[in-house]
Protein backbone atom coordinates (compact mmCIF):
# COMPACT_ATOMS: atom_id res chain seq x y z
CA UNK A 1 -4.92 -15.51 3.10
CA UNK A 2 -5.29 -14.61 -0.52
CA UNK A 3 -1.99 -13.16 -1.74
CA UNK A 4 -2.60 -10.66 -4.56
CA UNK A 5 0.47 -8.97 -5.92
CA UNK A 6 0.23 -5.38 -7.09
CA UNK A 7 1.87 -4.96 -10.51
CA UNK A 8 4.40 -2.12 -10.41
CA UNK A 9 7.46 -0.88 -12.21
CA UNK A 10 10.36 0.77 -10.42
CA UNK A 11 12.31 3.68 -11.82
CA UNK A 12 15.73 2.09 -11.50
CA UNK A 13 16.61 2.64 -15.17
CA UNK A 14 19.68 4.02 -16.94
CA UNK A 15 19.33 7.66 -17.86
CA UNK A 16 19.10 9.87 -20.88
CA UNK A 17 16.30 12.14 -19.68
CA UNK A 18 15.64 13.73 -16.30
CA UNK A 19 15.86 16.73 -14.06
CA UNK A 20 18.81 18.58 -12.64
CA UNK A 21 18.82 17.59 -8.98
CA UNK A 22 19.69 19.60 -5.95
CA UNK A 23 21.23 17.43 -3.26
CA UNK A 24 18.51 15.36 -1.62
CA UNK A 25 15.69 17.22 -3.40
CA UNK A 26 13.18 15.91 -5.93
CA UNK A 27 10.34 17.62 -7.82
CA UNK A 28 7.41 15.56 -9.13
CA UNK A 29 4.55 16.92 -11.24
CA UNK A 30 0.92 16.15 -10.46
CA UNK A 31 -1.86 17.21 -12.82
CA UNK A 32 -4.71 17.72 -10.37
CA UNK A 33 -5.23 19.24 -6.95
CA UNK A 34 -7.50 17.54 -4.44
CA UNK A 35 -10.17 19.34 -2.46
CA UNK A 36 -8.95 17.77 0.79
CA UNK A 37 -6.31 15.44 2.17
CA UNK A 38 -8.11 13.90 5.14
CA UNK A 39 -7.24 10.17 5.03
CA UNK A 40 -10.37 9.20 6.92
CA UNK A 41 -12.91 11.04 4.82
CA UNK A 42 -11.66 11.53 1.26
CA UNK A 43 -12.12 9.15 -1.65
CA UNK A 44 -10.38 11.38 -4.20
CA UNK A 45 -7.64 9.77 -6.27
CA UNK A 46 -5.91 13.14 -6.51
CA UNK A 47 -5.29 13.11 -2.74
CA UNK A 48 -3.46 9.77 -2.86
CA UNK A 49 0.06 11.09 -3.62
CA UNK A 50 -0.02 13.42 -0.61
CA UNK A 51 -1.66 11.01 1.84
CA UNK A 52 0.46 8.07 0.68
CA UNK A 53 3.69 9.86 1.58
CA UNK A 54 2.62 11.54 4.83
CA UNK A 55 0.64 8.73 6.46
CA UNK A 56 1.07 5.03 7.19
CA UNK A 57 -1.29 2.62 8.87
CA UNK A 58 -0.89 -0.76 10.50
CA UNK A 59 0.69 -2.25 7.37
CA UNK A 60 2.06 -1.06 4.05
CA UNK A 61 2.84 -2.64 0.69
CA UNK A 62 6.27 -3.58 -0.56
CA UNK A 63 7.11 -2.75 -4.19
CA UNK A 64 6.28 -6.39 -4.95
CA UNK A 65 2.79 -5.91 -3.52
CA UNK A 66 3.30 -7.91 -0.36
CA UNK A 67 1.83 -6.86 2.98
CA UNK A 68 4.65 -5.81 5.34
CA UNK A 69 4.68 -4.22 8.82
CA UNK A 70 4.31 -0.47 9.21
CA UNK A 71 3.03 0.99 12.49
CA UNK A 72 2.20 -2.55 13.57
CA UNK A 73 5.27 -4.62 14.35
CA UNK A 74 3.45 -7.95 14.61
CA UNK A 75 -0.09 -9.30 14.38
CA UNK A 76 -2.12 -12.40 15.05
CA UNK A 77 -5.33 -13.63 13.42
CA UNK A 78 -7.59 -16.00 15.34
CA UNK A 79 -8.11 -19.51 14.01
CA UNK A 80 -11.63 -18.68 12.84
CA UNK A 81 -10.28 -15.66 10.93
CA UNK A 82 -12.46 -13.19 12.80
CA UNK A 83 -10.31 -11.52 15.47
CA UNK A 84 -7.20 -9.52 14.59
CA UNK A 85 -4.71 -8.38 17.21
CA UNK A 86 -1.90 -5.94 16.35
CA UNK A 87 1.10 -4.94 18.44
CA UNK A 88 2.32 -1.44 17.62
CA UNK A 89 5.97 -0.50 17.34
CA UNK A 90 7.44 2.53 19.13
CA UNK A 91 6.27 5.03 16.54
CA UNK A 92 5.71 8.77 16.72
CA UNK A 93 3.52 11.27 14.95
CA UNK A 94 5.33 13.85 12.84
CA UNK A 95 5.14 16.34 15.73
CA UNK A 96 6.89 13.88 18.08
CA UNK A 97 3.87 12.62 20.03
CA UNK A 98 3.65 8.85 20.53
CA UNK A 99 1.32 6.86 18.27
CA UNK A 100 -1.19 4.99 20.42
CA UNK A 101 -3.63 2.19 19.67
CA UNK A 102 -6.40 4.50 20.83
CA UNK A 103 -5.58 6.78 17.86
CA UNK A 104 -6.80 3.98 15.57
CA UNK A 105 -9.94 3.46 17.64
CA UNK A 106 -10.76 7.16 17.42
CA UNK A 107 -10.00 7.31 13.68
CA UNK A 108 -12.11 4.29 12.78
CA UNK A 109 -15.08 5.39 14.87
CA UNK A 110 -14.83 8.82 13.26
CA UNK A 111 -15.08 7.24 9.80
CA UNK A 112 -18.20 5.43 11.02
CA UNK A 113 -19.81 8.66 12.18
CA UNK A 114 -21.99 10.05 9.34
CA UNK A 115 -21.26 13.56 10.60
CA UNK A 116 -17.63 13.19 9.48
CA UNK A 117 -18.68 12.99 5.83
CA UNK A 118 -16.40 10.00 5.22
CA UNK A 119 -16.74 8.67 1.67
CA UNK A 120 -15.68 5.09 2.38
CA UNK A 121 -17.35 4.21 5.67
CA UNK A 122 -18.61 0.95 4.15
CA UNK A 123 -15.04 -0.36 4.00
CA UNK A 124 -15.21 -0.73 7.80
CA UNK A 125 -18.58 -2.48 7.79
CA UNK A 126 -16.81 -5.83 8.07
CA UNK A 127 -16.25 -5.04 11.75
CA UNK A 128 -18.90 -6.17 14.22
CA UNK A 129 -21.25 -3.28 15.06
CA UNK A 130 -19.77 -0.90 12.46
CA UNK A 131 -22.65 -0.73 9.99
CA UNK A 132 -25.17 -0.51 12.81
CA UNK A 133 -23.25 2.38 14.36
CA UNK A 134 -23.16 4.26 11.05
CA UNK A 135 -26.91 3.88 10.75
CA UNK A 136 -27.58 5.39 14.17
CA UNK A 137 -26.63 2.58 16.52
CA UNK A 138 -24.29 2.58 19.50
CA UNK A 139 -20.71 3.50 18.57
CA UNK A 140 -19.62 1.77 21.73
CA UNK A 141 -20.72 -1.54 20.23
CA UNK A 142 -18.16 -1.33 17.42
CA UNK A 143 -15.80 -4.27 17.99
CA UNK A 144 -12.52 -2.34 17.94
CA UNK A 145 -10.56 -1.62 21.11
CA UNK A 146 -7.20 -0.65 22.54
CA UNK A 147 -6.49 -2.79 25.64
CA UNK A 148 -3.31 -0.77 26.07
CA UNK A 149 -1.29 1.84 24.16
CA UNK A 150 0.49 -0.79 22.06
CA UNK A 151 -2.37 -3.23 21.39
CA UNK A 152 -5.20 -2.86 18.87
CA UNK A 153 -7.81 -5.55 18.37
CA UNK A 154 -10.94 -5.82 16.25
CA UNK A 155 -13.45 -8.54 15.34
CA UNK A 156 -15.12 -9.16 11.99
CA UNK A 157 -18.67 -10.28 11.27
CA UNK A 158 -17.34 -12.93 8.92
CA UNK A 159 -14.00 -13.98 7.50
CA UNK A 160 -12.66 -11.47 4.95
CA UNK A 161 -9.85 -12.98 2.85
CA UNK A 162 -8.61 -9.55 1.74
CA UNK A 163 -8.76 -7.85 5.16
CA UNK A 164 -4.99 -7.31 5.42
CA UNK A 165 -4.97 -5.59 2.03
CA UNK A 166 -7.85 -3.37 3.15
CA UNK A 167 -5.82 -2.09 6.09
CA UNK A 168 -3.53 -0.11 3.79
CA UNK A 169 -6.43 2.05 2.62
CA UNK A 170 -6.35 5.56 4.17
CA UNK A 171 -9.73 5.13 5.89
CA UNK A 172 -7.90 2.72 8.23
CA UNK A 173 -5.06 5.13 9.00
CA UNK A 174 -4.90 6.72 12.44
CA UNK A 175 -5.59 10.41 12.97
CA UNK A 176 -5.15 12.44 16.14
CA UNK A 177 -8.28 13.42 18.03
CA UNK A 178 -6.78 16.60 19.48
CA UNK A 179 -5.70 17.79 16.02
CA UNK A 180 -8.91 16.92 14.17
CA UNK A 181 -11.32 18.16 16.81
CA UNK A 182 -9.54 21.54 16.98
CA UNK A 183 -10.17 22.20 13.26
CA UNK A 184 -12.28 19.44 11.64
CA UNK A 185 -12.48 21.13 8.24
CA UNK A 186 -9.10 22.81 7.97
CA UNK A 187 -6.52 20.63 9.73
CA UNK A 188 -5.31 19.03 6.48
CA UNK A 189 -4.74 22.40 4.80
CA UNK A 190 -2.36 23.77 7.41
CA UNK A 191 1.19 22.35 7.55
CA UNK A 192 1.27 23.03 11.30
CA UNK A 193 -1.73 20.75 11.91
CA UNK A 194 -1.35 18.22 9.10
CA UNK A 195 0.17 15.72 11.51
CA UNK A 196 0.90 12.31 10.02
CA UNK A 197 2.79 9.06 10.55
CA UNK A 198 4.59 8.70 7.23
CA UNK A 199 8.12 9.29 5.92
CA UNK A 200 7.46 12.94 4.98
CA UNK A 201 5.67 15.90 6.48
CA UNK A 202 4.24 18.92 4.67
CA UNK A 203 5.99 22.27 5.04
CA UNK A 204 3.86 24.27 2.58
CA UNK A 205 0.49 24.07 0.85
CA UNK A 206 0.69 26.50 -2.06
CA UNK A 207 -2.81 26.29 -3.49
CA UNK A 208 -2.82 26.09 -7.25
CA UNK A 209 0.96 25.69 -7.34
CA UNK A 210 2.57 23.01 -5.18
CA UNK A 211 2.78 20.97 -2.01
CA UNK A 212 6.23 20.91 -0.38
CA UNK A 213 7.45 18.18 1.97
CA UNK A 214 10.49 17.55 4.12
CA UNK A 215 11.79 14.32 5.60
CA UNK A 216 9.87 13.47 8.77
CA UNK A 217 12.55 13.21 11.49
CA UNK A 218 10.07 11.45 13.78
CA UNK A 219 9.27 8.67 11.30
CA UNK A 220 9.99 5.27 12.86
CA UNK A 221 12.29 4.34 9.98
CA UNK A 222 13.70 7.80 9.23
CA UNK A 223 17.17 6.36 8.54
CA UNK A 224 15.74 4.67 5.43
CA UNK A 225 14.52 7.99 3.97
CA UNK A 226 17.11 9.68 1.74
CA UNK A 227 15.22 12.68 0.37
CA UNK A 228 15.44 15.86 2.42
CA UNK A 229 12.90 17.75 0.33
CA UNK A 230 10.09 16.59 -1.96
CA UNK A 231 7.93 18.93 -4.03
CA UNK A 232 4.71 18.03 -5.80
CA UNK A 233 4.32 20.73 -8.44
CA UNK A 234 0.87 21.27 -9.94
CA UNK A 235 0.85 21.48 -13.76
CA UNK A 236 -2.65 20.61 -15.09
CA UNK A 237 -1.63 20.25 -18.75
CA UNK A 238 0.44 17.08 -19.38
CA UNK A 239 2.06 18.70 -22.45
CA UNK A 240 3.33 21.56 -20.30
CA UNK A 241 4.53 19.07 -17.70
CA UNK A 242 6.41 17.10 -20.36
CA UNK A 243 8.09 20.29 -21.59
CA UNK A 244 9.24 20.98 -18.02
CA UNK A 245 10.54 17.41 -17.74
CA UNK A 246 12.49 17.54 -20.99
CA UNK A 247 13.90 20.95 -20.07
CA UNK A 248 15.25 19.48 -16.84
CA UNK A 249 13.06 21.69 -14.63
CA UNK A 250 11.40 18.74 -12.87
CA UNK A 251 12.49 15.20 -12.10
CA UNK A 252 9.29 13.25 -12.71
CA UNK A 253 5.79 13.66 -14.12
CA UNK A 254 2.75 11.56 -13.26
CA UNK A 255 1.24 11.60 -16.77
CA UNK A 256 2.48 11.79 -20.35
CA UNK A 257 0.43 13.31 -23.21
CA UNK A 258 -1.04 10.49 -25.27
CA UNK A 259 0.40 11.64 -28.63
CA UNK A 260 3.90 11.55 -27.13
CA UNK A 261 3.73 7.96 -25.87
CA UNK A 262 5.08 6.33 -29.09
CA UNK A 263 8.03 8.73 -29.27
CA UNK A 264 8.93 8.56 -25.60
CA UNK A 265 8.71 4.78 -25.49
CA UNK A 266 11.56 4.69 -28.03
CA UNK A 267 13.61 7.76 -27.14
CA UNK A 268 13.45 8.14 -23.37
CA UNK A 269 14.82 5.88 -20.65
CA UNK A 270 12.77 7.93 -18.19
CA UNK A 271 9.47 6.77 -19.72
CA UNK A 272 7.51 4.28 -17.60
CA UNK A 273 4.37 2.23 -18.17
CA UNK A 274 2.73 1.34 -14.85
CA UNK A 275 -0.17 -1.14 -14.79
CA UNK A 276 -3.21 0.32 -13.05
CA UNK A 277 -6.26 -1.31 -11.53
CA UNK A 278 -8.60 1.33 -12.88
CA UNK A 279 -11.61 1.80 -15.13
CA UNK A 280 -12.60 5.07 -16.77
CA UNK A 281 -16.34 5.41 -17.23
CA UNK A 282 -19.20 7.88 -17.11
CA UNK A 283 -22.22 7.79 -14.84
CA UNK A 284 -25.65 7.74 -16.47
CA UNK A 285 -28.18 9.35 -14.14
CA UNK A 286 -31.18 7.00 -14.25
CA UNK A 287 -33.35 9.64 -12.58
CA UNK A 288 -32.83 12.29 -15.25
CA UNK A 289 -34.47 12.25 -18.69
CA UNK A 290 -33.59 10.95 -21.21
CA UNK A 291 -31.21 8.71 -19.23
CA UNK A 292 -34.12 7.32 -17.24
CA UNK A 293 -34.79 5.11 -20.27
CA UNK A 294 -32.72 1.90 -20.26
CA UNK A 295 -32.77 1.70 -24.04
CA UNK A 296 -31.28 5.20 -24.30
CA UNK A 297 -28.46 4.25 -21.96
CA UNK A 298 -27.86 1.06 -23.93
CA UNK A 299 -27.86 2.89 -27.26
CA UNK A 300 -25.34 5.46 -26.06
CA UNK A 301 -23.00 2.75 -24.82
CA UNK A 302 -23.31 0.60 -27.96
CA UNK A 303 -22.65 3.57 -30.25
CA UNK A 304 -19.09 4.31 -29.16
CA UNK A 305 -16.00 2.69 -30.67
CA UNK A 306 -13.74 1.96 -27.73
CA UNK A 307 -10.93 0.55 -29.87
CA UNK A 308 -10.85 3.69 -32.00
CA UNK A 309 -10.79 5.84 -28.87
CA UNK A 310 -7.75 4.00 -27.54
CA UNK A 311 -5.85 3.81 -30.81
CA UNK A 312 -6.51 7.23 -32.30
CA UNK A 313 -7.66 9.47 -29.44
CA UNK A 314 -5.78 8.21 -26.39
CA UNK A 315 -2.99 6.67 -28.50
CA UNK A 316 -2.27 4.38 -25.58
CA UNK A 317 -1.95 0.75 -24.53
CA UNK A 318 -5.16 0.92 -22.50
CA UNK A 319 -7.78 -1.76 -23.13
CA UNK A 320 -11.47 -1.35 -24.08
CA UNK A 321 -13.81 -1.64 -21.10
CA UNK A 322 -17.02 -3.58 -21.55
CA UNK A 323 -17.59 -3.96 -17.83
CA UNK A 324 -16.87 -2.24 -14.54
CA UNK A 325 -14.11 -4.41 -13.05
CA UNK A 326 -10.70 -4.36 -14.78
CA UNK A 327 -8.52 -7.43 -15.35
CA UNK A 328 -5.56 -8.16 -13.09
CA UNK A 329 -7.16 -9.61 -9.96
CA UNK A 330 -7.14 -13.36 -9.44
CA UNK A 331 -9.85 -15.14 -7.45
CA UNK A 332 -10.50 -18.86 -7.15
CA UNK A 333 -7.54 -19.62 -9.40
CA UNK A 334 -8.54 -17.40 -12.34
CA UNK A 335 -8.70 -13.77 -13.28
CA UNK A 336 -11.99 -12.29 -12.16
CA UNK A 337 -12.78 -11.11 -15.70
CA UNK A 338 -12.00 -14.43 -17.41
CA UNK A 339 -15.01 -15.54 -19.47
CA UNK A 340 -17.07 -12.53 -18.38
CA UNK A 341 -20.11 -11.55 -20.44
CA UNK A 342 -19.91 -8.48 -22.71
CA UNK A 343 -23.37 -7.22 -21.67
CA UNK A 344 -24.37 -6.46 -25.26
CA UNK A 345 -21.34 -4.24 -25.81
CA UNK A 346 -18.38 -4.59 -28.17
CA UNK A 347 -14.95 -3.06 -28.54
CA UNK A 348 -16.06 -1.41 -31.78
CA UNK A 349 -19.32 0.46 -32.27
CA UNK A 350 -22.46 -1.59 -32.96
CA UNK A 351 -24.13 1.12 -35.00
CA UNK A 352 -27.16 -0.90 -36.12
CA UNK A 353 -27.81 -2.21 -32.63
CA UNK A 354 -27.44 1.25 -31.13
CA UNK A 355 -29.79 2.80 -33.68
CA UNK A 356 -32.37 0.08 -33.05
CA UNK A 357 -32.21 0.60 -29.29
CA UNK A 358 -32.60 4.37 -29.69
CA UNK A 359 -35.59 3.86 -32.00
CA UNK A 360 -37.19 1.53 -29.45
CA UNK A 361 -36.69 4.26 -26.87
CA UNK A 362 -38.81 6.57 -29.04
CA UNK A 363 -36.10 8.50 -30.87
CA UNK A 364 -35.76 6.98 -34.37
CA UNK A 365 -32.73 8.44 -36.15
CA UNK A 366 -32.31 10.71 -33.13
CA UNK A 367 -35.56 12.58 -33.82
CA UNK A 368 -36.87 14.42 -30.79
CA UNK A 369 -33.89 13.54 -28.60
CA UNK A 370 -33.97 16.02 -25.72
CA UNK A 371 -31.22 18.43 -24.73
CA UNK A 372 -28.51 16.44 -22.96
CA UNK A 373 -25.37 17.65 -21.19
CA UNK A 374 -22.25 15.56 -20.48
CA UNK A 375 -20.36 17.16 -17.57
CA UNK A 376 -16.66 16.59 -16.91
CA UNK A 377 -13.70 17.99 -15.03
CA UNK A 378 -11.17 20.19 -16.79
CA UNK A 379 -8.50 17.93 -18.29
CA UNK A 380 -7.23 18.19 -21.86
CA UNK A 381 -7.00 14.40 -22.41
CA UNK A 382 -10.46 13.76 -20.92
CA UNK A 383 -12.05 16.61 -22.85
CA UNK A 384 -10.51 15.22 -26.05
CA UNK A 385 -11.95 11.81 -25.19
CA UNK A 386 -15.42 13.23 -24.64
CA UNK A 387 -15.29 15.21 -27.86
CA UNK A 388 -14.62 11.94 -29.69
CA UNK A 389 -17.59 10.29 -27.97
CA UNK A 390 -19.72 13.34 -28.77
CA UNK A 391 -18.81 12.98 -32.45
CA UNK A 392 -19.57 9.24 -32.44
CA UNK A 393 -23.02 9.88 -31.00
CA UNK A 394 -23.64 12.48 -33.70
CA UNK A 395 -22.47 10.25 -36.53
CA UNK A 396 -23.97 6.99 -35.32
CA UNK A 397 -27.18 8.15 -33.63
CA UNK A 398 -27.75 11.64 -35.09
CA UNK A 399 -28.01 13.23 -31.64
CA UNK A 400 -26.30 16.30 -30.20
CA UNK A 401 -24.85 16.14 -26.69
CA UNK A 402 -23.31 19.20 -25.09
CA UNK A 403 -20.05 18.95 -23.10
CA UNK A 404 -19.51 21.15 -20.05
CA UNK A 405 -16.12 21.16 -18.30
CA UNK A 406 -15.33 22.76 -14.94
CA UNK A 407 -12.42 22.61 -12.52
CA UNK A 408 -12.39 19.52 -10.30
CA UNK A 409 -13.09 21.51 -7.12
CA UNK A 410 -16.32 22.75 -8.73
CA UNK A 411 -17.18 19.62 -10.72
CA UNK A 412 -16.96 17.01 -7.96
CA UNK A 413 -19.29 18.69 -5.43
CA UNK A 414 -21.82 19.21 -8.20
CA UNK A 415 -21.67 15.56 -9.25
CA UNK A 416 -22.25 14.56 -5.63
CA UNK A 417 -25.62 16.33 -5.82
CA UNK A 418 -26.59 13.85 -8.61
CA UNK A 419 -28.39 16.50 -10.63
CA UNK A 420 -26.47 15.91 -13.88
CA UNK A 421 -27.51 13.79 -16.89
CA UNK A 422 -24.15 12.21 -17.78
CA UNK A 423 -20.98 12.71 -15.72
CA UNK A 424 -17.44 11.63 -16.51
CA UNK A 425 -15.72 9.77 -13.72
CA UNK A 426 -14.06 6.41 -13.19
CA UNK A 427 -12.54 4.46 -10.34
CA UNK A 428 -9.07 3.37 -9.35
CA UNK A 429 -8.82 0.46 -6.95
CA UNK A 430 -8.44 1.26 -3.26
CA UNK A 431 -7.29 -2.31 -2.61
CA UNK A 432 -6.49 -5.17 -5.01
CA UNK A 433 -9.87 -6.93 -5.04
CA UNK A 434 -12.97 -6.61 -7.29
CA UNK A 435 -15.07 -5.52 -4.32
CA UNK A 436 -13.35 -2.12 -4.38
CA UNK A 437 -15.27 -1.44 -7.62
CA UNK A 438 -18.50 -3.29 -6.89
CA UNK A 439 -19.08 -1.94 -3.38
CA UNK A 440 -19.53 1.56 -4.81
CA UNK A 441 -22.89 0.68 -6.35
CA UNK A 442 -24.55 -0.75 -3.28
CA UNK A 443 -27.63 1.26 -2.35
CA UNK A 444 -26.63 4.20 -0.18
CA UNK A 445 -22.88 4.02 -0.82
CA UNK A 446 -21.28 7.47 -0.63
CA UNK A 447 -19.51 6.67 -3.91
CA UNK A 448 -22.75 5.69 -5.67
CA UNK A 449 -22.74 8.97 -7.54
CA UNK A 450 -25.73 8.25 -9.77
CA UNK A 451 -27.95 6.92 -6.95
CA UNK A 452 -28.50 3.71 -8.89
CA UNK A 453 -30.20 1.12 -6.70
CA UNK A 454 -31.09 -2.54 -7.18
CA UNK A 455 -32.11 -4.92 -4.37
CA UNK A 456 -30.85 -7.99 -6.26
CA UNK A 457 -27.48 -6.34 -6.73
CA UNK A 458 -27.28 -5.53 -3.02
CA UNK A 459 -28.14 -9.15 -2.17
CA UNK A 460 -25.43 -10.56 -4.46
CA UNK A 461 -22.81 -8.25 -2.95
CA UNK A 462 -23.83 -9.27 0.56
CA UNK A 463 -23.66 -12.95 -0.45
CA UNK A 464 -20.18 -12.40 -1.92
CA UNK A 465 -19.01 -10.89 1.36
CA UNK A 466 -20.42 -13.74 3.44
CA UNK A 467 -19.14 -16.58 1.25
CA UNK A 468 -16.20 -18.41 2.81
CA UNK A 469 -15.24 -20.05 -0.49
CA UNK A 470 -13.32 -17.69 -2.79
CA UNK A 471 -14.79 -19.13 -6.00
CA UNK A 472 -18.32 -18.82 -4.63
CA UNK A 473 -17.63 -15.22 -3.61
CA UNK A 474 -16.29 -14.49 -7.11
CA UNK A 475 -19.45 -15.93 -8.70
CA UNK A 476 -21.69 -13.70 -6.58
CA UNK A 477 -19.63 -10.67 -7.55
CA UNK A 478 -19.89 -11.58 -11.22
CA UNK A 479 -23.66 -11.92 -10.85
CA UNK A 480 -23.82 -8.48 -9.24
CA UNK A 481 -21.73 -6.90 -11.97
CA UNK A 482 -24.02 -8.41 -14.60
CA UNK A 483 -27.04 -6.76 -12.94
CA UNK A 484 -25.29 -3.38 -12.99
CA UNK A 485 -24.03 -3.69 -16.54
CA UNK A 486 -27.23 -5.08 -18.04
CA UNK A 487 -28.98 -2.05 -16.61
CA UNK A 488 -26.31 0.14 -18.27
CA UNK A 489 -25.91 2.30 -15.18
CA UNK A 490 -22.49 3.38 -16.42
CA UNK A 491 -20.81 4.04 -19.76
CA UNK A 492 -17.59 1.97 -19.58
CA UNK A 493 -14.78 3.39 -21.70
CA UNK A 494 -11.40 1.82 -20.99
CA UNK A 495 -9.28 -0.02 -18.42
CA UNK A 496 -6.23 2.09 -17.92
CA UNK A 497 -2.47 2.09 -17.59
CA UNK A 498 -0.45 4.97 -16.20
CA UNK A 499 2.15 6.52 -18.51
CA UNK A 500 4.67 8.60 -16.63
CA UNK A 501 8.32 9.62 -16.42
CA UNK A 502 10.91 9.56 -13.67
CA UNK A 503 14.55 10.47 -14.07
CA UNK A 504 16.70 7.34 -14.19
CA UNK A 505 18.98 9.04 -11.69
CA UNK A 506 16.28 8.06 -9.19
CA UNK A 507 16.14 4.56 -7.76
CA UNK A 508 13.84 3.13 -5.13
CA UNK A 509 10.82 5.10 -6.39
CA UNK A 510 7.75 3.05 -7.26
CA UNK A 511 4.14 3.67 -8.15
CA UNK A 512 1.55 1.09 -7.23
CA UNK A 513 -1.26 -0.17 -9.44
CA UNK A 514 -3.47 1.61 -6.89
CA UNK A 515 -2.00 4.85 -8.29
CA UNK A 516 0.07 5.89 -5.29
CA UNK A 517 3.64 7.12 -5.97
CA UNK A 518 5.98 6.18 -3.11
CA UNK A 519 9.12 8.20 -2.35
CA UNK A 520 10.02 6.61 0.99
CA UNK A 521 12.94 4.65 -0.46
CA UNK A 522 13.81 7.00 -3.32
CA UNK A 523 17.49 7.83 -3.71
CA UNK A 524 19.25 10.05 -6.20
CA UNK A 525 22.48 9.03 -7.90
CA UNK A 526 25.34 11.49 -7.39
């Protein structure tokens, strides 16, 4: 088993800044509101804070990144590494009903039903019969079963060294058939039907304002939960959120405005830097002119100065991204990104190279470059980033690119139609392994939001999954990434850190490098 620790920082710091607490109550600011909170079907990062505190699966992560029991009390893995058998503890759903192994079977088969609209069905393809079922085969042939209410077993097609880490992803969480089937589209928007297995349960969804939780009295380890009430307050503008934090109106904020990072790092004991396994990038649509020209995509990527963006625009400790996969994941005894190619890109702008590529594409000095729109979601920091890129393209390539920003709930469905030219996006790891990034670009993946397709890429990913040797698997993944990057299917910008605040009166809170804030063990000093 490959042990990969998730880098985190806890909030057990001495205080000078923080909110004014009510007994057992904590208010945390989030900047974005998700379109849905269905653990089986969503792939939205913005849903993670809600799902991560209202649901648990077979296992969970400790703050040190180790796999520890959750709904499963014990488990066994067969000698060949293919068959997993879990014994469930006496756990209940948040409405008091018993959690059964059959709840997992239903949930997983639902994810593998295309009609569910699940965004990460491919994460279950490791299971025998799963991919075939998704593509129209017999769901009964999926090798997952519940011999009794307390036993869950499944069999893999081949050994998967990171399978235990995968099981903490929400697509593997159980959901209740009676609840989901009664209201497939709306059950996660109604506190009465948003039935989970985690330490908290939702008492109010106030759209555009907040999500309110209370301690789940039916949680199997309810005695470990100290908070009686938890509120996620929606404040889209990080500057406004910081003002609320410094005024003592809230107790934590998930993001700090970039210009304030230097000051807060010196002045505030509530300031936290949390490593994140994430890459911010834009999709180039290879089926829309002028992005259907490889040399145009290459020119646009070469023309931006990533170091300048980080230092003067983001004003952060993020690192320039020249590839898709971020550093921080070790395979075969070395970081996956160690010695990786730069794919013709550099941390600073290669103006001459970019101009040459654009001229080869038929647009010397930008002449005749067609109307191009860069779409993004409404976010002051992201819009500022794109304005900087827009200016770099004007100065270095003499081209004009329009920026269009819309609210996430409008933006994301439109991007899924793949009718844009350039779309701002990015990816935060769902599990601590490079495949969480690379799997998105396999032909037909629901998260392949530019419909890029390459048979050689698909073959390298499949070879990486089948390799029993970790180093060999790593090499296949590197080969796949090189195919993607040399085709400049994306515009990599930066590998990110999370900059946040949490009152030092709070201990036991932690935020994973997978971007999930956990309040299960949070306590507030008197």
